Amino acid sequence: MPRLPASLRRLRRVALTHRRPLTALCAAVAVAAALQANAAPPPPRTLVLTAARDLPAGTVVRSGDLVRTPFDPGSVPAGVLPAAAAVGRTTTGPVRAGEAVTDARLVTRSLLAGYPGLVAVPVRIGDPAAVRLLRVGDRVDLLAADPQSDSAARLVGRDAPVLAIPRAGPESPGLTSGALVVLGVPDLTAPTVAQASVTAFLSVVLTR
């Protein structure tokens, strides 16, 4: 039998000397490859519409206020909305940056279920303590008073149902502060109520 060249004999001796570590290494590589082949791929992420910044209560949502954020499918909250259903609507309460935009966070058509002929209008009531007495479903008359005048308060909304009472934020009396309430009013009355909400001190009278 011919002798192997010296270089091959040295290579053979090295392989025999280290055969056990080499065998263990090959086995580990094989196990790792098998585990990687059998591992389930990561679940797909679902893009959810979220607030790009903190949105105060009563904000009319614009496209720049929204961003799509990847969520694990199991963590997607109920009632998430597409951009087409969110832009142009009004927040019913504060929405934090990164929070999913759902139907519960916006004045949506669902608030008007059971109130045909009415539209939803968010208004700020000057006395936050009065709002704490209200419950969704109550009926109120809406009064507007000019704080710079001695004239009597005028009636700008009658028998309006309370559709939503957003989560309270910082409260202080005033025309642009106070506490937010979403009322249902006839379509023709909405402009009058909207104008009064920025020019007068609003108060409510509980009717039923």
N, C-alpha and C. Protein backbone atom coordinates (compact mmCIF):
# COMPACT_ATOMS: atom_id res chain seq x y z
N MET A 1 0.85 -1.19 0.00
CA MET A 1 0.00 0.00 0.00
C MET A 1 0.90 1.25 0.00
N PRO A 2 0.70 2.15 -0.96
CA PRO A 2 1.57 3.33 -1.04
C PRO A 2 1.37 4.23 0.18
N ARG A 3 2.43 4.85 0.61
CA ARG A 3 2.37 5.76 1.75
C ARG A 3 1.78 7.10 1.33
N LEU A 4 1.02 7.69 2.23
CA LEU A 4 0.47 9.02 1.98
C LEU A 4 1.57 10.06 2.04
N PRO A 5 1.41 11.11 1.28
CA PRO A 5 2.38 12.20 1.39
C PRO A 5 2.42 12.72 2.83
N ALA A 6 3.52 13.33 3.18
CA ALA A 6 3.72 13.82 4.56
C ALA A 6 2.66 14.83 4.95
N SER A 7 2.27 15.71 4.02
CA SER A 7 1.28 16.75 4.36
C SER A 7 -0.07 16.13 4.68
N LEU A 8 -0.46 15.08 3.91
CA LEU A 8 -1.73 14.43 4.19
C LEU A 8 -1.69 13.66 5.49
N ARG A 9 -0.49 13.05 5.80
CA ARG A 9 -0.38 12.32 7.06
C ARG A 9 -0.55 13.27 8.25
N ARG A 10 0.05 14.47 8.14
CA ARG A 10 -0.10 15.45 9.23
C ARG A 10 -1.56 15.88 9.37
N LEU A 11 -2.25 16.10 8.25
CA LEU A 11 -3.65 16.50 8.29
C LEU A 11 -4.51 15.40 8.93
N ARG A 12 -4.16 14.13 8.61
CA ARG A 12 -4.91 13.01 9.17
C ARG A 12 -4.72 12.93 10.67
N ARG A 13 -3.48 13.14 11.12
CA ARG A 13 -3.21 13.10 12.57
C ARG A 13 -3.98 14.19 13.30
N VAL A 14 -4.02 15.42 12.71
CA VAL A 14 -4.76 16.51 13.35
C VAL A 14 -6.24 16.17 13.45
N ALA A 15 -6.80 15.61 12.36
CA ALA A 15 -8.22 15.26 12.36
C ALA A 15 -8.53 14.20 13.40
N LEU A 16 -7.64 13.19 13.52
CA LEU A 16 -7.87 12.14 14.51
C LEU A 16 -7.74 12.67 15.93
N THR A 17 -6.79 13.59 16.13
CA THR A 17 -6.59 14.14 17.46
C THR A 17 -7.81 14.93 17.92
N HIS A 18 -8.44 15.66 16.98
CA HIS A 18 -9.54 16.56 17.34
C HIS A 18 -10.90 16.04 16.86
N ARG A 19 -10.97 14.71 16.70
CA ARG A 19 -12.20 14.18 16.12
C ARG A 19 -13.42 14.39 17.03
N ARG A 20 -13.21 14.29 18.35
CA ARG A 20 -14.36 14.46 19.25
C ARG A 20 -14.90 15.91 19.23
N PRO A 21 -14.04 16.93 19.39
CA PRO A 21 -14.57 18.30 19.29
C PRO A 21 -15.22 18.59 17.94
N LEU A 22 -14.60 18.03 16.86
CA LEU A 22 -15.17 18.27 15.54
C LEU A 22 -16.53 17.60 15.41
N THR A 23 -16.66 16.41 15.97
CA THR A 23 -17.95 15.71 15.92
C THR A 23 -19.02 16.49 16.68
N ALA A 24 -18.66 17.02 17.87
CA ALA A 24 -19.62 17.80 18.66
C ALA A 24 -20.01 19.08 17.94
N LEU A 25 -19.02 19.71 17.30
CA LEU A 25 -19.33 20.94 16.57
C LEU A 25 -20.28 20.68 15.42
N CYS A 26 -20.03 19.60 14.68
CA CYS A 26 -20.92 19.26 13.56
C CYS A 26 -22.33 18.96 14.04
N ALA A 27 -22.42 18.25 15.19
CA ALA A 27 -23.74 17.95 15.74
C ALA A 27 -24.47 19.22 16.16
N ALA A 28 -23.74 20.17 16.78
CA ALA A 28 -24.37 21.43 17.20
C ALA A 28 -24.85 22.22 16.00
N VAL A 29 -24.04 22.24 14.95
CA VAL A 29 -24.46 22.97 13.74
C VAL A 29 -25.71 22.33 13.15
N ALA A 30 -25.77 21.00 13.15
CA ALA A 30 -26.94 20.31 12.60
C ALA A 30 -28.19 20.60 13.42
N VAL A 31 -28.04 20.59 14.76
CA VAL A 31 -29.20 20.88 15.62
C VAL A 31 -29.68 22.31 15.40
N ALA A 32 -28.73 23.26 15.34
CA ALA A 32 -29.12 24.66 15.13
C ALA A 32 -29.84 24.84 13.80
N ALA A 33 -29.35 24.16 12.77
CA ALA A 33 -29.99 24.26 11.46
C ALA A 33 -31.40 23.68 11.49
N ALA A 34 -31.56 22.56 12.22
CA ALA A 34 -32.89 21.95 12.31
C ALA A 34 -33.86 22.84 13.07
N LEU A 35 -33.39 23.44 14.18
CA LEU A 35 -34.25 24.33 14.95
C LEU A 35 -34.67 25.54 14.12
N GLN A 36 -33.73 26.09 13.37
CA GLN A 36 -34.05 27.26 12.56
C GLN A 36 -35.05 26.90 11.47
N ALA A 37 -34.91 25.71 10.91
CA ALA A 37 -35.82 25.28 9.85
C ALA A 37 -37.22 25.06 10.38
N ASN A 38 -37.31 24.56 11.65
CA ASN A 38 -38.62 24.25 12.23
C ASN A 38 -39.26 25.42 12.95
N ALA A 39 -38.51 26.52 13.20
CA ALA A 39 -39.07 27.65 13.93
C ALA A 39 -40.15 28.34 13.09
N ALA A 40 -41.26 28.69 13.75
CA ALA A 40 -42.34 29.37 13.04
C ALA A 40 -41.92 30.78 12.68
N PRO A 41 -42.31 31.25 11.52
CA PRO A 41 -41.96 32.63 11.15
C PRO A 41 -42.67 33.62 12.07
N PRO A 42 -42.11 34.79 12.29
CA PRO A 42 -42.76 35.78 13.16
C PRO A 42 -44.13 36.15 12.61
N PRO A 43 -45.11 36.37 13.48
CA PRO A 43 -46.45 36.71 13.00
C PRO A 43 -46.44 38.04 12.26
N PRO A 44 -47.30 38.18 11.28
CA PRO A 44 -47.36 39.45 10.55
C PRO A 44 -47.85 40.57 11.46
N ARG A 45 -47.38 41.76 11.23
CA ARG A 45 -47.79 42.93 12.01
C ARG A 45 -48.95 43.61 11.29
N THR A 46 -49.84 44.18 12.08
CA THR A 46 -51.00 44.89 11.54
C THR A 46 -50.81 46.39 11.74
N LEU A 47 -50.96 47.15 10.67
CA LEU A 47 -50.83 48.60 10.76
C LEU A 47 -52.13 49.19 11.30
N VAL A 48 -52.01 49.96 12.38
CA VAL A 48 -53.18 50.56 13.05
C VAL A 48 -53.01 52.08 13.06
N LEU A 49 -54.09 52.78 12.82
CA LEU A 49 -54.07 54.23 12.83
C LEU A 49 -53.96 54.73 14.27
N THR A 50 -52.92 55.52 14.55
CA THR A 50 -52.71 56.06 15.89
C THR A 50 -52.51 57.57 15.82
N ALA A 51 -52.60 58.21 16.97
CA ALA A 51 -52.39 59.65 17.04
C ALA A 51 -50.90 59.95 16.92
N ALA A 52 -50.57 60.90 16.04
CA ALA A 52 -49.17 61.28 15.86
C ALA A 52 -48.70 62.22 16.96
N ARG A 53 -49.62 62.81 17.69
CA ARG A 53 -49.30 63.74 18.78
C ARG A 53 -50.45 63.70 19.77
N ASP A 54 -50.29 64.33 20.91
CA ASP A 54 -51.39 64.44 21.87
C ASP A 54 -52.50 65.30 21.25
N LEU A 55 -53.71 64.76 21.23
CA LEU A 55 -54.86 65.49 20.67
C LEU A 55 -55.80 65.85 21.82
N PRO A 56 -56.00 67.12 22.08
CA PRO A 56 -56.94 67.51 23.15
C PRO A 56 -58.38 67.14 22.77
N ALA A 57 -59.23 67.08 23.76
CA ALA A 57 -60.65 66.85 23.52
C ALA A 57 -61.20 67.97 22.65
N GLY A 58 -62.08 67.61 21.70
CA GLY A 58 -62.68 68.61 20.83
C GLY A 58 -61.84 68.95 19.61
N THR A 59 -60.76 68.20 19.36
CA THR A 59 -59.91 68.45 18.20
C THR A 59 -60.54 67.87 16.94
N VAL A 60 -60.60 68.66 15.87
CA VAL A 60 -61.01 68.15 14.57
C VAL A 60 -59.78 67.48 13.95
N VAL A 61 -59.86 66.19 13.73
CA VAL A 61 -58.71 65.40 13.30
C VAL A 61 -58.35 65.70 11.85
N ARG A 62 -57.07 65.96 11.61
CA ARG A 62 -56.54 66.16 10.26
C ARG A 62 -55.59 65.02 9.93
N SER A 63 -55.28 64.88 8.64
CA SER A 63 -54.43 63.77 8.22
C SER A 63 -53.06 63.82 8.90
N GLY A 64 -52.53 65.03 9.15
CA GLY A 64 -51.24 65.16 9.80
C GLY A 64 -51.25 64.76 11.26
N ASP A 65 -52.43 64.58 11.85
CA ASP A 65 -52.55 64.16 13.26
C ASP A 65 -52.45 62.65 13.41
N LEU A 66 -52.38 61.94 12.28
CA LEU A 66 -52.46 60.48 12.32
C LEU A 66 -51.20 59.85 11.74
N VAL A 67 -50.90 58.66 12.21
CA VAL A 67 -49.77 57.89 11.70
C VAL A 67 -50.12 56.41 11.84
N ARG A 68 -49.60 55.58 10.94
CA ARG A 68 -49.86 54.15 11.02
C ARG A 68 -48.73 53.48 11.83
N THR A 69 -49.13 52.69 12.82
CA THR A 69 -48.19 52.05 13.73
C THR A 69 -48.40 50.54 13.69
N PRO A 70 -47.31 49.75 13.57
CA PRO A 70 -47.48 48.28 13.55
C PRO A 70 -47.84 47.73 14.93
N PHE A 71 -48.87 46.91 14.97
CA PHE A 71 -49.33 46.25 16.20
C PHE A 71 -49.27 44.74 15.98
N ASP A 72 -49.02 43.99 17.08
CA ASP A 72 -49.22 42.55 17.02
C ASP A 72 -50.70 42.29 16.78
N PRO A 73 -51.05 41.33 15.93
CA PRO A 73 -52.48 41.11 15.63
C PRO A 73 -53.34 40.92 16.88
N GLY A 74 -52.81 40.26 17.90
CA GLY A 74 -53.60 40.03 19.11
C GLY A 74 -53.78 41.24 19.98
N SER A 75 -53.05 42.32 19.71
CA SER A 75 -53.14 43.52 20.54
C SER A 75 -53.91 44.66 19.87
N VAL A 76 -54.44 44.40 18.69
CA VAL A 76 -55.19 45.45 17.99
C VAL A 76 -56.51 45.70 18.73
N PRO A 77 -56.77 46.92 19.20
CA PRO A 77 -58.01 47.17 19.95
C PRO A 77 -59.23 47.13 19.04
N ALA A 78 -60.37 46.91 19.65
CA ALA A 78 -61.62 46.90 18.89
C ALA A 78 -61.97 48.32 18.45
N GLY A 79 -62.62 48.42 17.32
CA GLY A 79 -63.14 49.71 16.87
C GLY A 79 -62.13 50.60 16.18
N VAL A 80 -60.97 50.04 15.75
CA VAL A 80 -60.01 50.89 15.05
C VAL A 80 -60.60 51.37 13.73
N LEU A 81 -60.19 52.56 13.31
CA LEU A 81 -60.78 53.19 12.13
C LEU A 81 -59.74 53.39 11.04
N PRO A 82 -60.16 53.36 9.77
CA PRO A 82 -59.28 53.77 8.69
C PRO A 82 -59.20 55.29 8.64
N ALA A 83 -58.20 55.80 7.94
CA ALA A 83 -58.01 57.25 7.88
C ALA A 83 -59.24 57.95 7.31
N ALA A 84 -59.86 57.34 6.32
CA ALA A 84 -61.02 57.98 5.68
C ALA A 84 -62.17 58.18 6.66
N ALA A 85 -62.25 57.33 7.68
CA ALA A 85 -63.33 57.44 8.66
C ALA A 85 -62.95 58.31 9.85
N ALA A 86 -61.68 58.70 9.96
CA ALA A 86 -61.23 59.47 11.11
C ALA A 86 -61.01 60.94 10.79
N VAL A 87 -60.48 61.23 9.62
CA VAL A 87 -60.17 62.62 9.26
C VAL A 87 -61.46 63.43 9.15
N GLY A 88 -61.45 64.59 9.79
CA GLY A 88 -62.62 65.46 9.78
C GLY A 88 -63.55 65.27 10.95
N ARG A 89 -63.34 64.22 11.73
CA ARG A 89 -64.19 63.99 12.90
C ARG A 89 -63.56 64.64 14.13
N THR A 90 -64.32 64.72 15.19
CA THR A 90 -63.91 65.44 16.39
C THR A 90 -63.66 64.46 17.52
N THR A 91 -62.57 64.68 18.27
CA THR A 91 -62.26 63.80 19.39
C THR A 91 -63.26 64.04 20.52
N THR A 92 -63.72 62.95 21.12
CA THR A 92 -64.64 63.05 22.24
C THR A 92 -63.92 63.26 23.56
N GLY A 93 -62.62 63.04 23.57
CA GLY A 93 -61.80 63.22 24.76
C GLY A 93 -60.34 63.28 24.35
N PRO A 94 -59.43 63.48 25.30
CA PRO A 94 -58.01 63.53 24.96
C PRO A 94 -57.53 62.19 24.38
N VAL A 95 -56.69 62.26 23.35
CA VAL A 95 -56.08 61.08 22.75
C VAL A 95 -54.57 61.26 22.82
N ARG A 96 -53.89 60.34 23.48
CA ARG A 96 -52.45 60.44 23.65
C ARG A 96 -51.72 60.04 22.38
N ALA A 97 -50.53 60.60 22.17
CA ALA A 97 -49.69 60.21 21.04
C ALA A 97 -49.41 58.71 21.11
N GLY A 98 -49.59 58.02 19.99
CA GLY A 98 -49.38 56.59 19.94
C GLY A 98 -50.61 55.77 20.27
N GLU A 99 -51.66 56.42 20.78
CA GLU A 99 -52.89 55.69 21.12
C GLU A 99 -53.67 55.39 19.85
N ALA A 100 -54.23 54.18 19.76
CA ALA A 100 -55.02 53.80 18.60
C ALA A 100 -56.26 54.68 18.51
N VAL A 101 -56.58 55.10 17.30
CA VAL A 101 -57.77 55.93 17.06
C VAL A 101 -58.94 54.99 16.81
N THR A 102 -59.87 54.93 17.76
CA THR A 102 -61.02 54.04 17.66
C THR A 102 -62.31 54.85 17.61
N ASP A 103 -63.39 54.14 17.35
CA ASP A 103 -64.69 54.81 17.28
C ASP A 103 -65.08 55.43 18.62
N ALA A 104 -64.55 54.89 19.72
CA ALA A 104 -64.88 55.44 21.04
C ALA A 104 -64.18 56.77 21.30
N ARG A 105 -63.13 57.09 20.52
CA ARG A 105 -62.37 58.32 20.73
C ARG A 105 -62.84 59.46 19.85
N LEU A 106 -63.77 59.18 18.91
CA LEU A 106 -64.21 60.20 17.98
C LEU A 106 -65.74 60.30 17.99
N VAL A 107 -66.21 61.48 17.65
CA VAL A 107 -67.65 61.67 17.47
C VAL A 107 -68.01 60.98 16.17
N THR A 108 -68.64 59.83 16.26
CA THR A 108 -68.98 59.05 15.08
C THR A 108 -70.49 58.90 14.95
N ARG A 109 -70.89 58.37 13.82
CA ARG A 109 -72.33 58.22 13.57
C ARG A 109 -72.99 57.31 14.59
N SER A 110 -72.22 56.40 15.18
CA SER A 110 -72.80 55.47 16.14
C SER A 110 -73.37 56.19 17.36
N LEU A 111 -72.83 57.38 17.66
CA LEU A 111 -73.36 58.14 18.79
C LEU A 111 -74.79 58.58 18.54
N LEU A 112 -75.17 58.67 17.26
CA LEU A 112 -76.48 59.19 16.91
C LEU A 112 -77.52 58.09 16.70
N ALA A 113 -77.12 56.84 16.97
CA ALA A 113 -78.08 55.74 16.84
C ALA A 113 -79.26 55.99 17.76
N GLY A 114 -80.44 55.96 17.21
CA GLY A 114 -81.65 56.22 18.00
C GLY A 114 -82.05 57.67 18.04
N TYR A 115 -81.29 58.55 17.37
CA TYR A 115 -81.63 59.97 17.34
C TYR A 115 -81.71 60.46 15.89
N PRO A 116 -82.70 60.00 15.14
CA PRO A 116 -82.80 60.41 13.73
C PRO A 116 -83.03 61.92 13.62
N GLY A 117 -82.40 62.52 12.64
CA GLY A 117 -82.58 63.94 12.40
C GLY A 117 -81.66 64.84 13.19
N LEU A 118 -80.80 64.26 14.05
CA LEU A 118 -79.89 65.06 14.86
C LEU A 118 -78.45 64.89 14.38
N VAL A 119 -77.65 65.89 14.67
CA VAL A 119 -76.21 65.81 14.44
C VAL A 119 -75.50 65.98 15.77
N ALA A 120 -74.29 65.46 15.87
CA ALA A 120 -73.52 65.52 17.11
C ALA A 120 -72.65 66.78 17.12
N VAL A 121 -72.75 67.57 18.17
CA VAL A 121 -71.99 68.81 18.29
C VAL A 121 -71.29 68.83 19.65
N PRO A 122 -69.96 68.88 19.67
CA PRO A 122 -69.24 69.03 20.95
C PRO A 122 -69.30 70.50 21.41
N VAL A 123 -69.63 70.72 22.65
CA VAL A 123 -69.66 72.07 23.20
C VAL A 123 -68.97 72.06 24.56
N ARG A 124 -68.43 73.21 24.91
CA ARG A 124 -67.78 73.34 26.23
C ARG A 124 -68.72 74.11 27.15
N ILE A 125 -69.05 73.46 28.25
CA ILE A 125 -69.90 74.08 29.27
C ILE A 125 -68.99 74.81 30.25
N GLY A 126 -69.32 76.07 30.53
CA GLY A 126 -68.44 76.89 31.35
C GLY A 126 -68.21 76.39 32.76
N ASP A 127 -69.21 75.73 33.33
CA ASP A 127 -69.08 75.24 34.71
C ASP A 127 -68.85 73.73 34.69
N PRO A 128 -67.61 73.27 34.89
CA PRO A 128 -67.35 71.83 34.86
C PRO A 128 -68.14 71.04 35.90
N ALA A 129 -68.45 71.67 37.04
CA ALA A 129 -69.20 70.95 38.08
C ALA A 129 -70.58 70.57 37.58
N ALA A 130 -71.18 71.41 36.73
CA ALA A 130 -72.50 71.08 36.19
C ALA A 130 -72.43 69.85 35.29
N VAL A 131 -71.33 69.72 34.55
CA VAL A 131 -71.18 68.57 33.66
C VAL A 131 -71.06 67.28 34.45
N ARG A 132 -70.45 67.34 35.63
CA ARG A 132 -70.32 66.13 36.45
C ARG A 132 -71.66 65.60 36.92
N LEU A 133 -72.69 66.40 36.83
CA LEU A 133 -74.03 65.95 37.21
C LEU A 133 -74.75 65.23 36.07
N LEU A 134 -74.21 65.33 34.86
CA LEU A 134 -74.88 64.78 33.69
C LEU A 134 -74.50 63.33 33.47
N ARG A 135 -75.39 62.62 32.77
CA ARG A 135 -75.16 61.26 32.34
C ARG A 135 -75.55 61.14 30.87
N VAL A 136 -74.89 60.23 30.16
CA VAL A 136 -75.27 60.00 28.76
C VAL A 136 -76.74 59.59 28.70
N GLY A 137 -77.49 60.22 27.81
CA GLY A 137 -78.92 59.96 27.69
C GLY A 137 -79.78 61.03 28.32
N ASP A 138 -79.20 61.87 29.20
CA ASP A 138 -79.95 62.99 29.76
C ASP A 138 -80.36 63.95 28.65
N ARG A 139 -81.39 64.72 28.91
CA ARG A 139 -81.83 65.77 27.99
C ARG A 139 -81.60 67.12 28.66
N VAL A 140 -81.04 68.07 27.89
CA VAL A 140 -80.71 69.37 28.46
C VAL A 140 -81.14 70.48 27.51
N ASP A 141 -81.42 71.64 28.09
CA ASP A 141 -81.52 72.88 27.33
C ASP A 141 -80.18 73.58 27.42
N LEU A 142 -79.75 74.19 26.33
CA LEU A 142 -78.45 74.84 26.27
C LEU A 142 -78.64 76.35 26.25
N LEU A 143 -78.04 77.03 27.23
CA LEU A 143 -78.15 78.48 27.36
C LEU A 143 -76.81 79.13 27.07
N ALA A 144 -76.88 80.28 26.39
CA ALA A 144 -75.66 81.04 26.08
C ALA A 144 -75.79 82.43 26.67
N ALA A 145 -74.75 82.83 27.42
CA ALA A 145 -74.75 84.16 28.05
C ALA A 145 -73.48 84.90 27.65
N ASP A 146 -73.61 86.20 27.43
CA ASP A 146 -72.46 87.03 27.12
C ASP A 146 -71.88 87.55 28.43
N PRO A 147 -70.68 87.13 28.81
CA PRO A 147 -70.12 87.55 30.10
C PRO A 147 -69.80 89.03 30.14
N GLN A 148 -69.78 89.71 28.99
CA GLN A 148 -69.48 91.13 28.95
C GLN A 148 -70.74 91.98 28.90
N SER A 149 -71.90 91.34 29.01
CA SER A 149 -73.16 92.07 28.88
C SER A 149 -74.09 91.71 30.03
N ASP A 150 -75.04 92.61 30.31
CA ASP A 150 -76.04 92.36 31.34
C ASP A 150 -77.30 91.73 30.76
N SER A 151 -77.29 91.44 29.47
CA SER A 151 -78.47 90.87 28.84
C SER A 151 -78.71 89.44 29.32
N ALA A 152 -79.95 89.02 29.27
CA ALA A 152 -80.32 87.68 29.75
C ALA A 152 -79.74 86.61 28.83
N ALA A 153 -79.50 85.44 29.41
CA ALA A 153 -79.03 84.30 28.61
C ALA A 153 -80.10 83.91 27.60
N ARG A 154 -79.64 83.49 26.42
CA ARG A 154 -80.59 83.09 25.38
C ARG A 154 -80.54 81.58 25.19
N LEU A 155 -81.66 81.03 24.80
CA LEU A 155 -81.77 79.59 24.58
C LEU A 155 -81.26 79.27 23.17
N VAL A 156 -80.22 78.44 23.09
CA VAL A 156 -79.67 78.09 21.77
C VAL A 156 -79.87 76.61 21.44
N GLY A 157 -80.31 75.83 22.39
CA GLY A 157 -80.60 74.41 22.14
C GLY A 157 -81.65 73.92 23.11
N ARG A 158 -82.62 73.18 22.60
CA ARG A 158 -83.72 72.72 23.45
C ARG A 158 -83.81 71.20 23.43
N ASP A 159 -83.94 70.62 24.63
CA ASP A 159 -84.18 69.19 24.78
C ASP A 159 -83.14 68.36 24.02
N ALA A 160 -81.88 68.75 24.14
CA ALA A 160 -80.79 68.07 23.42
C ALA A 160 -80.32 66.86 24.21
N PRO A 161 -80.24 65.70 23.59
CA PRO A 161 -79.73 64.52 24.31
C PRO A 161 -78.21 64.61 24.50
N VAL A 162 -77.75 64.16 25.65
CA VAL A 162 -76.31 64.06 25.91
C VAL A 162 -75.82 62.76 25.28
N LEU A 163 -74.98 62.89 24.25
CA LEU A 163 -74.49 61.71 23.52
C LEU A 163 -73.21 61.14 24.12
N ALA A 164 -72.36 62.01 24.64
CA ALA A 164 -71.10 61.55 25.21
C ALA A 164 -70.57 62.60 26.16
N ILE A 165 -69.87 62.14 27.18
CA ILE A 165 -69.19 63.03 28.11
C ILE A 165 -67.73 62.61 28.13
N PRO A 166 -66.88 63.28 27.37
CA PRO A 166 -65.49 62.86 27.24
C PRO A 166 -64.77 62.84 28.58
N ARG A 167 -63.71 62.07 28.60
CA ARG A 167 -62.87 61.99 29.79
C ARG A 167 -62.37 63.38 30.16
N ALA A 168 -62.48 63.71 31.41
CA ALA A 168 -62.16 65.06 31.84
C ALA A 168 -60.67 65.32 31.77
N GLY A 169 -60.31 66.53 31.33
CA GLY A 169 -58.94 67.01 31.37
C GLY A 169 -58.86 68.14 32.36
N PRO A 170 -57.86 69.01 32.24
CA PRO A 170 -57.79 70.18 33.11
C PRO A 170 -59.04 71.04 32.97
N GLU A 171 -59.60 71.46 34.06
CA GLU A 171 -60.85 72.20 34.04
C GLU A 171 -60.68 73.59 34.63
N SER A 172 -61.25 74.56 33.97
CA SER A 172 -61.33 75.91 34.52
C SER A 172 -62.44 76.64 33.78
N PRO A 173 -63.22 77.48 34.46
CA PRO A 173 -64.31 78.16 33.78
C PRO A 173 -63.79 79.05 32.67
N GLY A 174 -64.59 79.20 31.62
CA GLY A 174 -64.21 80.09 30.53
C GLY A 174 -64.84 79.68 29.23
N LEU A 175 -64.65 80.51 28.17
CA LEU A 175 -65.26 80.26 26.89
C LEU A 175 -64.61 79.09 26.17
N THR A 176 -63.30 78.96 26.27
CA THR A 176 -62.59 77.92 25.53
C THR A 176 -62.08 76.81 26.43
N SER A 177 -62.47 76.84 27.70
CA SER A 177 -62.09 75.76 28.60
C SER A 177 -63.35 75.10 29.10
N GLY A 178 -63.53 74.99 30.40
CA GLY A 178 -64.71 74.32 30.90
C GLY A 178 -64.64 72.83 30.63
N ALA A 179 -65.79 72.19 30.51
CA ALA A 179 -65.87 70.74 30.31
C ALA A 179 -66.62 70.45 29.02
N LEU A 180 -66.12 69.46 28.29
CA LEU A 180 -66.68 69.13 26.98
C LEU A 180 -67.84 68.15 27.12
N VAL A 181 -68.90 68.43 26.36
CA VAL A 181 -70.06 67.55 26.28
C VAL A 181 -70.46 67.45 24.81
N VAL A 182 -70.85 66.26 24.39
CA VAL A 182 -71.33 66.08 23.02
C VAL A 182 -72.85 65.99 23.06
N LEU A 183 -73.49 66.93 22.39
CA LEU A 183 -74.95 67.01 22.39
C LEU A 183 -75.49 66.69 21.00
N GLY A 184 -76.70 66.19 20.97
CA GLY A 184 -77.40 65.97 19.70
C GLY A 184 -78.37 67.12 19.46
N VAL A 185 -78.20 67.80 18.33
CA VAL A 185 -79.07 68.93 18.01
C VAL A 185 -79.54 68.80 16.57
N PRO A 186 -80.67 69.41 16.22
CA PRO A 186 -81.11 69.39 14.82
C PRO A 186 -80.07 70.04 13.91
N ASP A 187 -80.01 69.59 12.68
CA ASP A 187 -79.01 70.06 11.74
C ASP A 187 -79.07 71.58 11.58
N LEU A 188 -80.27 72.15 11.54
CA LEU A 188 -80.40 73.59 11.35
C LEU A 188 -79.95 74.37 12.58
N THR A 189 -79.95 73.73 13.73
CA THR A 189 -79.55 74.41 14.97
C THR A 189 -78.05 74.36 15.19
N ALA A 190 -77.38 73.43 14.53
CA ALA A 190 -75.94 73.22 14.78
C ALA A 190 -75.10 74.47 14.56
N PRO A 191 -75.31 75.27 13.49
CA PRO A 191 -74.49 76.49 13.34
C PRO A 191 -74.66 77.47 14.50
N THR A 192 -75.89 77.61 14.98
CA THR A 192 -76.13 78.53 16.10
C THR A 192 -75.40 78.05 17.35
N VAL A 193 -75.46 76.75 17.61
CA VAL A 193 -74.79 76.19 18.78
C VAL A 193 -73.28 76.34 18.64
N ALA A 194 -72.76 76.06 17.44
CA ALA A 194 -71.32 76.16 17.23
C ALA A 194 -70.83 77.59 17.42
N GLN A 195 -71.59 78.57 16.94
CA GLN A 195 -71.19 79.96 17.12
C GLN A 195 -71.24 80.36 18.58
N ALA A 196 -72.28 79.92 19.27
CA ALA A 196 -72.39 80.25 20.69
C ALA A 196 -71.26 79.64 21.50
N SER A 197 -70.76 78.48 21.07
CA SER A 197 -69.73 77.80 21.83
C SER A 197 -68.40 78.55 21.82
N VAL A 198 -68.21 79.46 20.86
CA VAL A 198 -66.95 80.22 20.81
C VAL A 198 -67.15 81.70 21.13
N THR A 199 -68.38 82.11 21.34
CA THR A 199 -68.62 83.53 21.61
C THR A 199 -69.32 83.78 22.94
N ALA A 200 -69.79 82.74 23.59
CA ALA A 200 -70.61 82.93 24.80
C ALA A 200 -70.22 81.90 25.86
N PHE A 201 -70.66 82.19 27.08
CA PHE A 201 -70.50 81.27 28.20
C PHE A 201 -71.71 80.35 28.19
N LEU A 202 -71.48 79.03 28.01
CA LEU A 202 -72.58 78.08 27.87
C LEU A 202 -72.89 77.40 29.20
N SER A 203 -74.16 77.17 29.43
CA SER A 203 -74.60 76.43 30.61
C SER A 203 -75.75 75.52 30.18
N VAL A 204 -76.03 74.54 31.01
CA VAL A 204 -77.08 73.59 30.68
C VAL A 204 -78.13 73.56 31.78
N VAL A 205 -79.37 73.25 31.35
CA VAL A 205 -80.47 73.04 32.27
C VAL A 205 -80.97 71.63 32.04
N LEU A 206 -80.90 70.79 33.05
CA LEU A 206 -81.34 69.41 32.91
C LEU A 206 -82.85 69.37 32.83
N THR A 207 -83.37 68.79 31.75
CA THR A 207 -84.81 68.74 31.56
C THR A 207 -85.39 67.37 31.86
N ARG A 208 -84.65 66.33 31.50
CA ARG A 208 -85.10 64.95 31.80
C ARG A 208 -83.98 63.96 31.52
